[in-house]
Structures are given as structure tokens and as C-alpha cells.
Amino acid sequence: MKIYALSIFHCPSSSGCTPVASTADLSSFAFYTKTPASDSSTPPESELAALVSTYQDPQRADALARVQNELDETRIVLHQTIEAMLRRGERLDDLVERSAALGAQTKMFYRTTRQQNSCCVIG
């Protein structure tokens, strides 16, 4: 592809447009590069294959989707941890109740044995 004519104008907001006359004037613009243009505007096949493989998986290509996926996984793990902690808390409550009941039975056994042994004084 050959370019036969190129007109570039610089239009600041305060004044009128002025034509840029030479390639030296173009060097101040960010889009201007001094590399020669190739006949083909498509990237090489290896680069295309890499881009296609990258963008086939939206999780790899899109950082926001990847972060959202990680947040969802973290939320699931957090819910599982909280449920396990609540189950452990319930088991601890059961153990505390059993311990209190066992303590009460021990006191009752102690009182009963003292009463039973009070009639038989060995002395």
C-alpha cells in the first residue's frame, strides 16, 4: 500500500488550524514512528495464535473476571469455614452441657453416699 498524499493539520482549541509541512514537524506527535511500514498490516501467525489462545479463555484475558472468580472461590471457602466453626461451637455447647450434668450427678452421688455411710460409723 502506498500513500500518495498526506495532509496533517494541528488545530489548537484557541486558534485556527495550521498545516504541518514536513516530517520534522511530525516527530513531536506521539503517534509518529520512524519505522518503515510493511506491506502486510497483520501480525505474524505465531503472534495471532498466541492472541487467540489467550483470548479463548475469558478468565485469563479479563482481569476483572479473574478477580471476580477468585472472590467467589474465597466466599465459598469462607462460608464453609464459618459453617464448620458453628458446628464446632454446637459440639462445644453439648460438651459443656454434658460436663455440667456430670458435675451435678457427681454431687448427687457424693451426697447419697454420705447419707448411706452416715448410719454405719466405724469407730
N, C-alpha and C. Protein backbone atom coordinates (compact mmCIF):
# COMPACT_ATOMS: atom_id res chain seq x y z
N MET A 1 0.86 -1.16 0.00
CA MET A 1 0.00 0.00 0.00
C MET A 1 0.90 1.22 0.00
N LYS A 2 0.62 2.15 -0.88
CA LYS A 2 1.41 3.37 -0.98
C LYS A 2 0.54 4.56 -0.68
N ILE A 3 1.13 5.50 0.04
CA ILE A 3 0.42 6.75 0.35
C ILE A 3 0.96 7.81 -0.60
N TYR A 4 0.07 8.42 -1.36
CA TYR A 4 0.50 9.42 -2.34
C TYR A 4 0.45 10.82 -1.77
N ALA A 5 -0.47 11.09 -0.86
CA ALA A 5 -0.55 12.43 -0.29
C ALA A 5 -0.99 12.30 1.16
N LEU A 6 -0.39 13.12 2.01
CA LEU A 6 -0.72 13.09 3.42
C LEU A 6 -0.81 14.52 3.91
N SER A 7 -1.95 14.87 4.45
CA SER A 7 -2.12 16.22 4.99
C SER A 7 -2.47 16.09 6.46
N ILE A 8 -1.66 16.69 7.30
CA ILE A 8 -1.89 16.68 8.74
C ILE A 8 -1.96 18.12 9.20
N PHE A 9 -3.02 18.41 9.96
CA PHE A 9 -3.22 19.76 10.47
C PHE A 9 -3.17 19.73 11.99
N HIS A 10 -2.62 20.75 12.55
CA HIS A 10 -2.57 20.91 14.00
C HIS A 10 -3.58 21.99 14.36
N CYS A 11 -4.60 21.63 15.16
CA CYS A 11 -5.69 22.56 15.49
C CYS A 11 -5.78 22.75 17.00
N PRO A 12 -5.05 23.71 17.58
CA PRO A 12 -5.25 24.01 19.00
C PRO A 12 -6.64 24.62 19.21
N SER A 13 -7.15 24.49 20.41
CA SER A 13 -8.51 24.95 20.66
C SER A 13 -8.66 26.46 20.58
N SER A 14 -7.59 27.23 20.82
CA SER A 14 -7.72 28.69 20.86
C SER A 14 -7.58 29.35 19.49
N SER A 15 -6.80 28.78 18.57
CA SER A 15 -6.58 29.42 17.28
C SER A 15 -7.00 28.48 16.16
N GLY A 16 -6.81 28.95 14.93
CA GLY A 16 -7.19 28.16 13.77
C GLY A 16 -6.22 27.03 13.51
N CYS A 17 -6.51 26.23 12.51
CA CYS A 17 -5.69 25.08 12.16
C CYS A 17 -4.49 25.53 11.31
N THR A 18 -3.35 24.91 11.59
CA THR A 18 -2.15 25.18 10.79
C THR A 18 -1.65 23.86 10.23
N PRO A 19 -1.27 23.83 8.94
CA PRO A 19 -0.78 22.58 8.37
C PRO A 19 0.62 22.27 8.86
N VAL A 20 0.88 20.99 9.07
CA VAL A 20 2.23 20.53 9.43
C VAL A 20 2.91 20.21 8.11
N ALA A 21 4.04 20.86 7.84
CA ALA A 21 4.60 20.82 6.50
C ALA A 21 5.61 19.73 6.26
N SER A 22 6.39 19.33 7.25
CA SER A 22 7.46 18.38 6.98
C SER A 22 7.45 17.26 8.01
N THR A 23 8.25 16.22 7.73
CA THR A 23 8.33 15.10 8.67
C THR A 23 8.99 15.50 9.98
N ALA A 24 9.81 16.54 9.98
CA ALA A 24 10.41 17.02 11.23
C ALA A 24 9.34 17.53 12.16
N ASP A 25 8.31 18.12 11.60
CA ASP A 25 7.20 18.60 12.43
C ASP A 25 6.40 17.44 13.01
N LEU A 26 6.37 16.31 12.30
CA LEU A 26 5.61 15.16 12.77
C LEU A 26 6.25 14.48 13.98
N SER A 27 7.54 14.67 14.19
CA SER A 27 8.23 13.97 15.26
C SER A 27 7.73 14.36 16.64
N SER A 28 7.05 15.49 16.77
CA SER A 28 6.54 15.90 18.07
C SER A 28 5.25 15.18 18.45
N PHE A 29 4.62 14.53 17.48
CA PHE A 29 3.37 13.83 17.77
C PHE A 29 3.67 12.42 18.26
N ALA A 30 2.89 11.94 19.22
CA ALA A 30 3.13 10.63 19.84
C ALA A 30 2.87 9.48 18.88
N PHE A 31 1.98 9.67 17.92
CA PHE A 31 1.62 8.57 17.03
C PHE A 31 2.64 8.37 15.91
N TYR A 32 3.55 9.29 15.73
CA TYR A 32 4.51 9.21 14.64
C TYR A 32 5.68 8.31 15.03
N THR A 33 5.95 7.33 14.20
CA THR A 33 7.13 6.47 14.39
C THR A 33 7.94 6.47 13.12
N LYS A 34 9.23 6.32 13.23
CA LYS A 34 10.11 6.36 12.07
C LYS A 34 10.41 4.99 11.50
N THR A 35 9.65 3.96 11.89
CA THR A 35 9.87 2.63 11.35
C THR A 35 9.18 2.52 10.00
N PRO A 36 9.75 1.81 9.06
CA PRO A 36 9.11 1.68 7.75
C PRO A 36 7.87 0.80 7.85
N ALA A 37 6.87 1.15 7.07
CA ALA A 37 5.63 0.37 7.05
C ALA A 37 5.84 -0.87 6.22
N SER A 38 5.30 -1.99 6.67
CA SER A 38 5.41 -3.24 5.91
C SER A 38 4.23 -3.35 4.96
N ASP A 39 4.35 -4.24 4.01
CA ASP A 39 3.27 -4.42 3.05
C ASP A 39 2.06 -5.07 3.71
N SER A 40 2.26 -5.87 4.72
CA SER A 40 1.18 -6.56 5.40
C SER A 40 0.92 -5.88 6.74
N SER A 41 -0.33 -5.59 6.99
CA SER A 41 -0.68 -4.93 8.26
C SER A 41 -1.10 -5.92 9.33
N THR A 42 -1.09 -7.23 9.04
CA THR A 42 -1.47 -8.23 10.03
C THR A 42 -0.24 -8.73 10.76
N PRO A 43 -0.38 -9.07 12.04
CA PRO A 43 0.75 -9.60 12.79
C PRO A 43 1.11 -11.00 12.31
N PRO A 44 2.29 -11.49 12.64
CA PRO A 44 2.70 -12.84 12.23
C PRO A 44 1.78 -13.91 12.81
N GLU A 45 1.80 -15.09 12.18
CA GLU A 45 0.90 -16.18 12.58
C GLU A 45 1.15 -16.63 14.01
N SER A 46 2.40 -16.66 14.44
CA SER A 46 2.68 -17.10 15.80
C SER A 46 2.08 -16.12 16.82
N GLU A 47 2.14 -14.85 16.48
CA GLU A 47 1.55 -13.85 17.38
C GLU A 47 0.03 -13.97 17.40
N LEU A 48 -0.57 -14.24 16.22
CA LEU A 48 -2.02 -14.43 16.16
C LEU A 48 -2.44 -15.66 16.95
N ALA A 49 -1.70 -16.74 16.84
CA ALA A 49 -2.02 -17.96 17.58
C ALA A 49 -1.93 -17.72 19.08
N ALA A 50 -0.93 -16.96 19.50
CA ALA A 50 -0.81 -16.66 20.93
C ALA A 50 -1.97 -15.80 21.40
N LEU A 51 -2.37 -14.82 20.59
CA LEU A 51 -3.50 -13.97 20.98
C LEU A 51 -4.80 -14.76 21.03
N VAL A 52 -5.01 -15.64 20.05
CA VAL A 52 -6.23 -16.44 20.03
C VAL A 52 -6.28 -17.35 21.25
N SER A 53 -5.16 -17.99 21.57
CA SER A 53 -5.17 -18.89 22.74
C SER A 53 -5.36 -18.11 24.03
N THR A 54 -4.85 -16.88 24.09
CA THR A 54 -5.03 -16.06 25.29
C THR A 54 -6.48 -15.65 25.47
N TYR A 55 -7.11 -15.22 24.37
CA TYR A 55 -8.47 -14.68 24.48
C TYR A 55 -9.56 -15.74 24.35
N GLN A 56 -9.20 -17.01 24.14
CA GLN A 56 -10.19 -18.08 24.14
C GLN A 56 -10.75 -18.29 25.55
N ASP A 57 -9.92 -18.12 26.55
CA ASP A 57 -10.34 -18.27 27.94
C ASP A 57 -10.56 -16.88 28.53
N PRO A 58 -11.81 -16.47 28.76
CA PRO A 58 -12.06 -15.12 29.27
C PRO A 58 -11.46 -14.88 30.65
N GLN A 59 -11.27 -15.94 31.44
CA GLN A 59 -10.70 -15.76 32.77
C GLN A 59 -9.25 -15.29 32.68
N ARG A 60 -8.52 -15.77 31.67
CA ARG A 60 -7.12 -15.36 31.52
C ARG A 60 -7.01 -13.97 30.91
N ALA A 61 -7.92 -13.64 29.99
CA ALA A 61 -7.82 -12.37 29.28
C ALA A 61 -8.38 -11.21 30.09
N ASP A 62 -9.42 -11.45 30.86
CA ASP A 62 -10.10 -10.37 31.57
C ASP A 62 -9.70 -10.40 33.05
N ALA A 63 -8.99 -9.40 33.47
CA ALA A 63 -8.52 -9.35 34.87
C ALA A 63 -9.68 -9.23 35.83
N LEU A 64 -10.71 -8.48 35.46
CA LEU A 64 -11.87 -8.30 36.35
C LEU A 64 -12.61 -9.62 36.55
N ALA A 65 -12.78 -10.38 35.49
CA ALA A 65 -13.44 -11.69 35.61
C ALA A 65 -12.61 -12.63 36.46
N ARG A 66 -11.27 -12.57 36.30
CA ARG A 66 -10.39 -13.43 37.10
C ARG A 66 -10.49 -13.08 38.59
N VAL A 67 -10.51 -11.79 38.90
CA VAL A 67 -10.63 -11.36 40.30
C VAL A 67 -11.99 -11.75 40.86
N GLN A 68 -13.05 -11.61 40.04
CA GLN A 68 -14.39 -12.00 40.49
C GLN A 68 -14.44 -13.49 40.77
N ASN A 69 -13.80 -14.30 39.94
CA ASN A 69 -13.76 -15.75 40.15
C ASN A 69 -13.03 -16.08 41.44
N GLU A 70 -11.91 -15.41 41.70
CA GLU A 70 -11.16 -15.64 42.94
C GLU A 70 -11.99 -15.22 44.16
N LEU A 71 -12.74 -14.13 44.04
CA LEU A 71 -13.61 -13.69 45.14
C LEU A 71 -14.70 -14.71 45.41
N ASP A 72 -15.29 -15.27 44.33
CA ASP A 72 -16.32 -16.29 44.51
C ASP A 72 -15.76 -17.52 45.22
N GLU A 73 -14.56 -17.94 44.83
CA GLU A 73 -13.94 -19.09 45.48
C GLU A 73 -13.63 -18.79 46.95
N THR A 74 -13.16 -17.59 47.22
CA THR A 74 -12.87 -17.20 48.60
C THR A 74 -14.15 -17.16 49.43
N ARG A 75 -15.23 -16.68 48.84
CA ARG A 75 -16.51 -16.62 49.55
C ARG A 75 -17.00 -18.02 49.90
N ILE A 76 -16.84 -18.97 48.98
CA ILE A 76 -17.26 -20.35 49.24
C ILE A 76 -16.45 -20.94 50.38
N VAL A 77 -15.13 -20.74 50.35
CA VAL A 77 -14.27 -21.26 51.42
C VAL A 77 -14.63 -20.61 52.75
N LEU A 78 -14.90 -19.32 52.73
CA LEU A 78 -15.28 -18.61 53.96
C LEU A 78 -16.58 -19.15 54.53
N HIS A 79 -17.57 -19.40 53.68
CA HIS A 79 -18.84 -19.96 54.16
C HIS A 79 -18.63 -21.36 54.76
N GLN A 80 -17.81 -22.16 54.11
CA GLN A 80 -17.53 -23.50 54.64
C GLN A 80 -16.83 -23.41 56.00
N THR A 81 -15.91 -22.47 56.14
CA THR A 81 -15.20 -22.31 57.40
C THR A 81 -16.14 -21.86 58.51
N ILE A 82 -17.02 -20.93 58.19
CA ILE A 82 -17.98 -20.44 59.20
C ILE A 82 -18.93 -21.56 59.61
N GLU A 83 -19.40 -22.36 58.64
CA GLU A 83 -20.28 -23.48 58.99
C GLU A 83 -19.57 -24.49 59.88
N ALA A 84 -18.32 -24.80 59.57
CA ALA A 84 -17.56 -25.74 60.39
C ALA A 84 -17.36 -25.18 61.80
N MET A 85 -17.09 -23.88 61.89
CA MET A 85 -16.90 -23.25 63.19
C MET A 85 -18.20 -23.29 64.01
N LEU A 86 -19.33 -23.06 63.36
CA LEU A 86 -20.61 -23.13 64.08
C LEU A 86 -20.90 -24.56 64.55
N ARG A 87 -20.58 -25.54 63.70
CA ARG A 87 -20.78 -26.94 64.14
C ARG A 87 -19.90 -27.26 65.34
N ARG A 88 -18.64 -26.78 65.31
CA ARG A 88 -17.75 -27.00 66.46
C ARG A 88 -18.29 -26.30 67.70
N GLY A 89 -18.85 -25.12 67.52
CA GLY A 89 -19.43 -24.39 68.65
C GLY A 89 -20.59 -25.15 69.25
N GLU A 90 -21.43 -25.75 68.39
CA GLU A 90 -22.55 -26.54 68.89
C GLU A 90 -22.04 -27.76 69.64
N ARG A 91 -21.00 -28.40 69.13
CA ARG A 91 -20.44 -29.55 69.83
C ARG A 91 -19.83 -29.14 71.17
N LEU A 92 -19.20 -27.97 71.20
CA LEU A 92 -18.65 -27.48 72.47
C LEU A 92 -19.78 -27.20 73.47
N ASP A 93 -20.88 -26.64 72.98
CA ASP A 93 -22.03 -26.40 73.86
C ASP A 93 -22.56 -27.71 74.42
N ASP A 94 -22.64 -28.74 73.56
CA ASP A 94 -23.09 -30.06 74.02
C ASP A 94 -22.14 -30.60 75.08
N LEU A 95 -20.82 -30.44 74.86
CA LEU A 95 -19.85 -30.92 75.84
C LEU A 95 -19.97 -30.16 77.16
N VAL A 96 -20.23 -28.86 77.09
CA VAL A 96 -20.40 -28.08 78.32
C VAL A 96 -21.63 -28.55 79.07
N GLU A 97 -22.73 -28.81 78.35
CA GLU A 97 -23.96 -29.29 78.99
C GLU A 97 -23.73 -30.66 79.62
N ARG A 98 -23.05 -31.55 78.90
CA ARG A 98 -22.77 -32.88 79.45
C ARG A 98 -21.87 -32.78 80.68
N SER A 99 -20.88 -31.88 80.61
CA SER A 99 -19.99 -31.70 81.75
C SER A 99 -20.76 -31.18 82.97
N ALA A 100 -21.67 -30.23 82.74
CA ALA A 100 -22.47 -29.70 83.85
C ALA A 100 -23.37 -30.79 84.43
N ALA A 101 -23.96 -31.60 83.54
CA ALA A 101 -24.82 -32.69 84.01
C ALA A 101 -24.00 -33.72 84.79
N LEU A 102 -22.80 -34.03 84.31
CA LEU A 102 -21.93 -34.98 85.01
C LEU A 102 -21.50 -34.44 86.37
N GLY A 103 -21.23 -33.12 86.43
CA GLY A 103 -20.89 -32.49 87.71
C GLY A 103 -22.05 -32.58 88.69
N ALA A 104 -23.27 -32.35 88.21
CA ALA A 104 -24.45 -32.44 89.08
C ALA A 104 -24.66 -33.87 89.55
N GLN A 105 -24.46 -34.85 88.67
CA GLN A 105 -24.60 -36.25 89.07
C GLN A 105 -23.52 -36.64 90.09
N THR A 106 -22.32 -36.09 89.94
CA THR A 106 -21.25 -36.37 90.89
C THR A 106 -21.60 -35.86 92.27
N LYS A 107 -22.15 -34.62 92.33
CA LYS A 107 -22.57 -34.07 93.63
C LYS A 107 -23.68 -34.90 94.24
N MET A 108 -24.60 -35.31 93.40
CA MET A 108 -25.71 -36.12 93.90
C MET A 108 -25.18 -37.46 94.43
N PHE A 109 -24.26 -38.09 93.72
CA PHE A 109 -23.67 -39.34 94.16
C PHE A 109 -22.92 -39.15 95.47
N TYR A 110 -22.18 -38.07 95.61
CA TYR A 110 -21.44 -37.78 96.84
C TYR A 110 -22.40 -37.64 98.02
N ARG A 111 -23.50 -36.88 97.84
CA ARG A 111 -24.46 -36.69 98.93
C ARG A 111 -25.12 -38.02 99.30
N THR A 112 -25.48 -38.78 98.29
CA THR A 112 -26.14 -40.06 98.55
C THR A 112 -25.20 -41.01 99.29
N THR A 113 -23.97 -41.08 98.90
CA THR A 113 -23.03 -41.98 99.58
C THR A 113 -22.75 -41.51 101.01
N ARG A 114 -22.70 -40.20 101.25
CA ARG A 114 -22.50 -39.70 102.63
C ARG A 114 -23.69 -40.08 103.50
N GLN A 115 -24.89 -39.95 102.93
CA GLN A 115 -26.07 -40.30 103.71
C GLN A 115 -26.10 -41.82 103.99
N GLN A 116 -25.73 -42.58 102.99
CA GLN A 116 -25.73 -44.04 103.17
C GLN A 116 -24.66 -44.46 104.18
N ASN A 117 -23.52 -43.81 104.19
CA ASN A 117 -22.44 -44.18 105.09
C ASN A 117 -22.56 -43.54 106.47
N SER A 118 -23.46 -42.61 106.65
CA SER A 118 -23.58 -41.95 107.95
C SER A 118 -24.18 -42.88 109.01
N CYS A 119 -24.95 -43.84 108.62
CA CYS A 119 -25.53 -44.76 109.57
C CYS A 119 -24.53 -45.77 110.10
N CYS A 120 -23.52 -46.02 109.38
CA CYS A 120 -22.53 -47.02 109.77
C CYS A 120 -21.24 -46.33 110.16
N VAL A 121 -21.14 -45.90 111.36
CA VAL A 121 -19.93 -45.22 111.81
C VAL A 121 -19.01 -46.29 112.37
N ILE A 122 -17.83 -46.33 111.86
CA ILE A 122 -16.84 -47.28 112.34
C ILE A 122 -15.95 -46.51 113.29
N GLY A 123 -15.89 -46.99 114.44
CA GLY A 123 -15.08 -46.20 115.31
C GLY A 123 -14.51 -46.84 116.42
